[in-house]
Structure formats: C-alpha cells, structure tokens
Amino acid sequence: MARGGIFCVEGQWHRDLNERGSVLPTLELLERLGRVRFIHKDAATRDELFYFLDRWLLKQYADYRLGFFAMHGEPNRLCLTDWHSVELAEMAERMAGRCEGRRLYFGSCSVLRASESVLREFLDVTGAALICGFTREVDWVESAAFETVLLDVLANGQRHNAAELRMGSAHWAPLASYLGFRVIYANGRAWRPSVRPRVPSQPSAGRAT
C-alpha cells in the first residue's frame, strides 16, 4: 500500500530566532519508518499561507490528502506569528470547493473550540471530509507523542473514522481526552473521546502563549 501523503504548513512558533522547536522531526520519523511521505513548508504571513494552500490544492498533489497546520491557535483562529493570524472563515474561503476527500488537522491550541456552526460551515465551504484538532492549550511533548500516531492514522487510514477508532481506543483515549481532541465530519457528526481526562499536578508548557 502506498504511504500516506501529508502536506504541512508550520507557523513561526518562537520570538527568539535561536529556538528550534518544530514538528519536522515528527514528520521525518514517520517518513523513516516508511509510514508517510510529506511536504513541509514554513509560513509567517497570511499571503505565504494562502500561496502554499493554492499549491497544495493543485491536482498534482492530490495524493497528499492530509493537510497539517502546525502553529499557535485560538478558537476560530490560526496564529502564524505574534503579528499575523488567519480566521478559519478566511481559510475556508480560500479553499472553497477544492478539498474533496481531504482531511485537515489543526495542530494548534484551542482552534477546535470554535463554535459548532463555524466548524460545520468550514466543512461545507471547503468540501473537506473532516477537520480535527484540540479544544484546549496543549503541551508540546504530549501533543508530539499524540501526533506521531494521529498523523499516521489520518494519512493512511482508509475508513473516514480511522482516527476516531484509534484515538478512542483504551490506550489513547485518556490522552486524547486530556488534550481536548475533537473531530468534525462532513456528514454532520462530531466526536470526542468519552474518557474523563486526568489533569496533571504541575503546569505544562503549551504550544500557545
């Protein structure tokens, strides 16, 4: 079976240019294990993000059906830097009608805490099969461990609810619940893990500030 294709756009996480935090090592690990192929691009502005979206949605990249957006986030908004952000509605308008069969994962704090109507409108406008992500601020290391499995499942799972089946398993459901993981499907169904999260006793370093 062909390896799943991932198209990733990563925002600029750090104010300090010496910082090296990135999702790239996770993608490289999955590639070396023979699980995925990927394209990784950095974007610091709205125009850069939209440029790469337009490129990804060309027919020649149809095999890269998983879109992974790794950046700071707030409910209903992706934050590429401290100065540049994009509303989900703007992003949907840019991709309108061009995402049939694609899955979108927002590896960003709190983006999936947007209202049900906003998320369903996003799917209606874009034509994507599903969107998923987090409803709360997440710790970098915890989310990276979660993403190693999630990205594999989203990129390679043949069933539309493959991520739900894996991340809702006894092994992964507690972490999925703690991270506030949520999936919204194009058919109108929504899913969250049913396990009650266990809150850590010490504060964690989140992806968002």
Protein backbone atom coordinates (compact mmCIF):
# COMPACT_ATOMS: atom_id res chain seq x y z
CA MET A 1 0.00 0.00 0.00
CA ALA A 2 1.28 3.47 -0.89
CA ARG A 3 2.42 5.59 2.01
CA GLY A 4 0.04 8.35 3.02
CA GLY A 5 0.87 11.87 1.91
CA ILE A 6 0.98 14.80 4.36
CA PHE A 7 1.14 18.45 3.41
CA CYS A 8 2.28 20.51 6.41
CA VAL A 9 2.43 24.28 6.83
CA GLU A 10 4.18 25.37 10.02
CA GLY A 11 3.92 28.81 11.57
CA GLN A 12 6.72 30.63 13.35
CA TRP A 13 6.41 29.41 16.92
CA HIS A 14 9.16 31.45 18.59
CA ARG A 15 10.08 35.09 19.02
CA ASP A 16 13.71 34.05 19.51
CA LEU A 17 15.26 33.04 16.18
CA ASN A 18 17.61 30.67 18.03
CA GLU A 19 14.71 28.47 19.12
CA ARG A 20 14.41 25.23 17.14
CA GLY A 21 11.05 23.76 18.12
CA SER A 22 9.33 22.25 15.08
CA VAL A 23 7.01 19.44 14.02
CA LEU A 24 9.53 18.48 11.33
CA PRO A 25 11.25 15.75 13.43
CA THR A 26 7.87 14.00 13.89
CA LEU A 27 7.29 14.01 10.14
CA GLU A 28 10.84 12.81 9.48
CA LEU A 29 10.42 9.95 11.98
CA LEU A 30 7.25 8.74 10.26
CA GLU A 31 8.94 9.01 6.88
CA ARG A 32 11.98 6.99 8.04
CA LEU A 33 9.64 4.32 9.39
CA GLY A 34 8.13 4.07 5.91
CA ARG A 35 4.73 5.28 7.05
CA VAL A 36 4.29 8.61 5.22
CA ARG A 37 5.54 10.98 2.56
CA PHE A 38 5.41 14.65 3.38
CA ILE A 39 5.84 18.20 2.15
CA HIS A 40 6.77 20.72 4.85
CA LYS A 41 6.68 24.49 4.40
CA ASP A 42 7.11 27.44 6.78
CA ALA A 43 4.73 30.40 6.67
CA ALA A 44 4.94 33.65 8.63
CA THR A 45 2.23 35.67 6.86
CA ARG A 46 -1.31 35.22 5.57
CA ASP A 47 -0.09 35.57 1.97
CA GLU A 48 2.52 32.87 2.45
CA LEU A 49 -0.08 30.52 3.94
CA PHE A 50 -2.51 31.16 1.09
CA TYR A 51 0.23 30.64 -1.50
CA PHE A 52 1.01 27.18 -0.12
CA LEU A 53 -2.69 26.31 0.17
CA ASP A 54 -3.16 27.11 -3.51
CA ARG A 55 -0.16 24.94 -4.42
CA TRP A 56 -1.32 22.03 -2.26
CA LEU A 57 -4.76 22.01 -3.87
CA LEU A 58 -3.36 21.54 -7.36
CA LYS A 59 -4.19 18.19 -8.95
CA GLN A 60 -0.54 17.09 -8.87
CA TYR A 61 -0.65 16.96 -5.05
CA ALA A 62 -3.92 15.04 -4.77
CA ASP A 63 -2.10 12.14 -3.06
CA TYR A 64 -1.21 14.45 -0.17
CA ARG A 65 -4.71 14.30 1.20
CA LEU A 66 -3.88 15.22 4.78
CA GLY A 67 -3.37 18.91 5.50
CA PHE A 68 -1.48 19.54 8.75
CA PHE A 69 -1.43 23.11 10.06
CA ALA A 70 1.08 23.46 12.89
CA MET A 71 1.02 26.87 14.53
CA HIS A 72 -0.25 28.79 17.52
CA GLY A 73 -4.00 28.99 17.78
CA GLU A 74 -7.09 30.43 19.41
CA PRO A 75 -10.75 29.46 19.00
CA ASN A 76 -11.61 30.08 15.34
CA ARG A 77 -8.13 31.45 14.50
CA LEU A 78 -4.67 30.30 13.40
CA CYS A 79 -1.76 32.46 14.57
CA LEU A 80 1.29 32.28 12.31
CA THR A 81 3.29 34.81 14.35
CA ASP A 82 2.63 37.39 17.06
CA TRP A 83 1.50 39.81 14.31
CA HIS A 84 -0.16 37.62 11.68
CA SER A 85 -3.25 35.46 12.10
CA VAL A 86 -5.96 33.96 9.88
CA GLU A 87 -9.60 33.30 10.72
CA LEU A 88 -10.99 29.87 9.83
CA ALA A 89 -13.60 31.56 7.64
CA GLU A 90 -10.85 33.27 5.61
CA MET A 91 -9.05 29.99 5.17
CA ALA A 92 -12.26 28.24 4.12
CA GLU A 93 -12.99 30.92 1.55
CA ARG A 94 -9.52 30.48 0.06
CA MET A 95 -10.03 26.71 -0.28
CA ALA A 96 -13.71 26.86 -1.25
CA GLY A 97 -14.86 23.73 -3.06
CA ARG A 98 -11.33 22.38 -3.54
CA CYS A 99 -10.87 20.00 -0.60
CA GLU A 100 -12.98 17.00 -1.59
CA GLY A 101 -11.69 13.87 0.12
CA ARG A 102 -9.07 15.75 2.12
CA ARG A 103 -8.61 15.63 5.87
CA LEU A 104 -7.46 18.70 7.80
CA TYR A 105 -5.67 18.55 11.13
CA PHE A 106 -5.06 21.73 13.12
CA GLY A 107 -2.08 21.03 15.38
CA SER A 108 -2.80 24.25 17.25
CA CYS A 109 -4.07 25.09 20.71
CA SER A 110 -7.82 25.69 21.09
CA VAL A 111 -8.73 26.11 17.38
CA LEU A 112 -11.37 23.36 17.60
CA ARG A 113 -13.02 25.23 20.46
CA ALA A 114 -14.71 27.32 17.77
CA SER A 115 -18.49 27.03 17.66
CA GLU A 116 -20.15 24.05 16.02
CA SER A 117 -21.67 26.32 13.38
CA VAL A 118 -18.27 27.79 12.42
CA LEU A 119 -16.68 24.36 12.05
CA ARG A 120 -19.56 22.94 10.04
CA GLU A 121 -19.55 25.99 7.78
CA PHE A 122 -15.83 25.42 7.23
CA LEU A 123 -16.53 21.87 6.04
CA ASP A 124 -19.48 22.93 3.88
CA VAL A 125 -17.45 25.64 2.14
CA THR A 126 -14.25 23.65 1.58
CA GLY A 127 -15.75 20.22 0.86
CA ALA A 128 -13.21 18.56 3.18
CA ALA A 129 -14.04 15.13 4.61
CA LEU A 130 -13.21 16.12 8.18
CA ILE A 131 -11.39 18.58 10.40
CA CYS A 132 -9.83 17.75 13.74
CA GLY A 133 -7.66 19.32 16.42
CA PHE A 134 -7.61 20.48 20.02
CA THR A 135 -10.05 22.42 22.17
CA ARG A 136 -7.52 23.47 24.81
CA GLU A 137 -3.91 24.52 25.22
CA VAL A 138 -1.62 21.53 24.80
CA ASP A 139 1.85 20.61 25.98
CA TRP A 140 4.43 20.32 23.19
CA VAL A 141 5.84 16.91 24.19
CA GLU A 142 2.43 15.38 24.92
CA SER A 143 0.97 16.58 21.64
CA ALA A 144 4.05 15.39 19.71
CA ALA A 145 3.61 11.88 21.10
CA PHE A 146 -0.08 12.01 20.20
CA GLU A 147 0.66 13.31 16.69
CA THR A 148 3.09 10.51 15.89
CA VAL A 149 0.16 8.10 15.95
CA LEU A 150 -2.54 10.51 14.76
CA LEU A 151 -0.71 11.62 11.61
CA ASP A 152 -0.08 8.02 10.60
CA VAL A 153 -3.75 7.16 11.05
CA LEU A 154 -5.06 10.27 9.27
CA ALA A 155 -2.69 9.82 6.34
CA ASN A 156 -3.10 6.06 5.92
CA GLY A 157 -6.47 5.13 7.41
CA GLN A 158 -8.85 4.00 4.69
CA ARG A 159 -12.00 4.47 6.76
CA HIS A 160 -13.16 8.04 7.23
CA ASN A 161 -13.38 7.50 11.00
CA ALA A 162 -9.97 5.79 11.34
CA ALA A 163 -8.65 8.49 13.68
CA GLU A 164 -11.70 8.15 15.90
CA LEU A 165 -11.28 4.39 16.15
CA ARG A 166 -7.58 4.56 17.04
CA MET A 167 -7.58 7.62 19.30
CA GLY A 168 -10.72 6.40 21.04
CA SER A 169 -9.04 3.10 21.97
CA ALA A 170 -8.29 2.25 25.59
CA HIS A 171 -4.62 3.08 25.05
CA TRP A 172 -5.03 6.56 23.50
CA ALA A 173 -8.42 7.82 24.69
CA PRO A 174 -7.17 9.21 28.03
CA LEU A 175 -4.54 11.39 26.31
CA ALA A 176 -6.94 12.36 23.53
CA SER A 177 -9.47 13.45 26.14
CA TYR A 178 -6.88 15.35 28.18
CA LEU A 179 -5.71 17.24 25.07
CA GLY A 180 -9.30 18.08 24.16
CA PHE A 181 -9.11 16.28 20.81
CA ARG A 182 -12.17 16.70 18.62
CA VAL A 183 -13.26 15.55 15.15
CA ILE A 184 -16.00 17.11 12.99
CA TYR A 185 -17.13 15.16 9.92
CA ALA A 186 -18.62 16.46 6.69
CA ASN A 187 -21.75 14.36 7.30
CA GLY A 188 -22.52 16.47 10.37
CA ARG A 189 -21.30 14.06 13.03
CA ALA A 190 -18.90 15.18 15.76
CA TRP A 191 -16.71 13.03 18.01
CA ARG A 192 -14.75 13.43 21.23
CA PRO A 193 -13.25 10.68 23.40
CA SER A 194 -15.54 9.78 26.27
CA VAL A 195 -12.82 9.20 28.87
CA ARG A 196 -12.58 11.86 31.56
CA PRO A 197 -9.13 13.49 31.34
CA ARG A 198 -6.70 13.31 34.24
CA VAL A 199 -5.33 16.79 34.96
CA PRO A 200 -1.55 16.86 35.72
CA SER A 201 -0.41 18.17 39.07
CA GLN A 202 2.06 20.65 37.57
CA PRO A 203 1.62 23.27 34.82
CA SER A 204 2.75 22.34 31.33
CA ALA A 205 4.48 24.33 28.61
CA GLY A 206 1.83 24.78 25.94
CA ARG A 207 2.12 25.36 22.23
CA ALA A 208 0.26 28.65 22.54
CA THR A 209 1.11 31.70 24.61
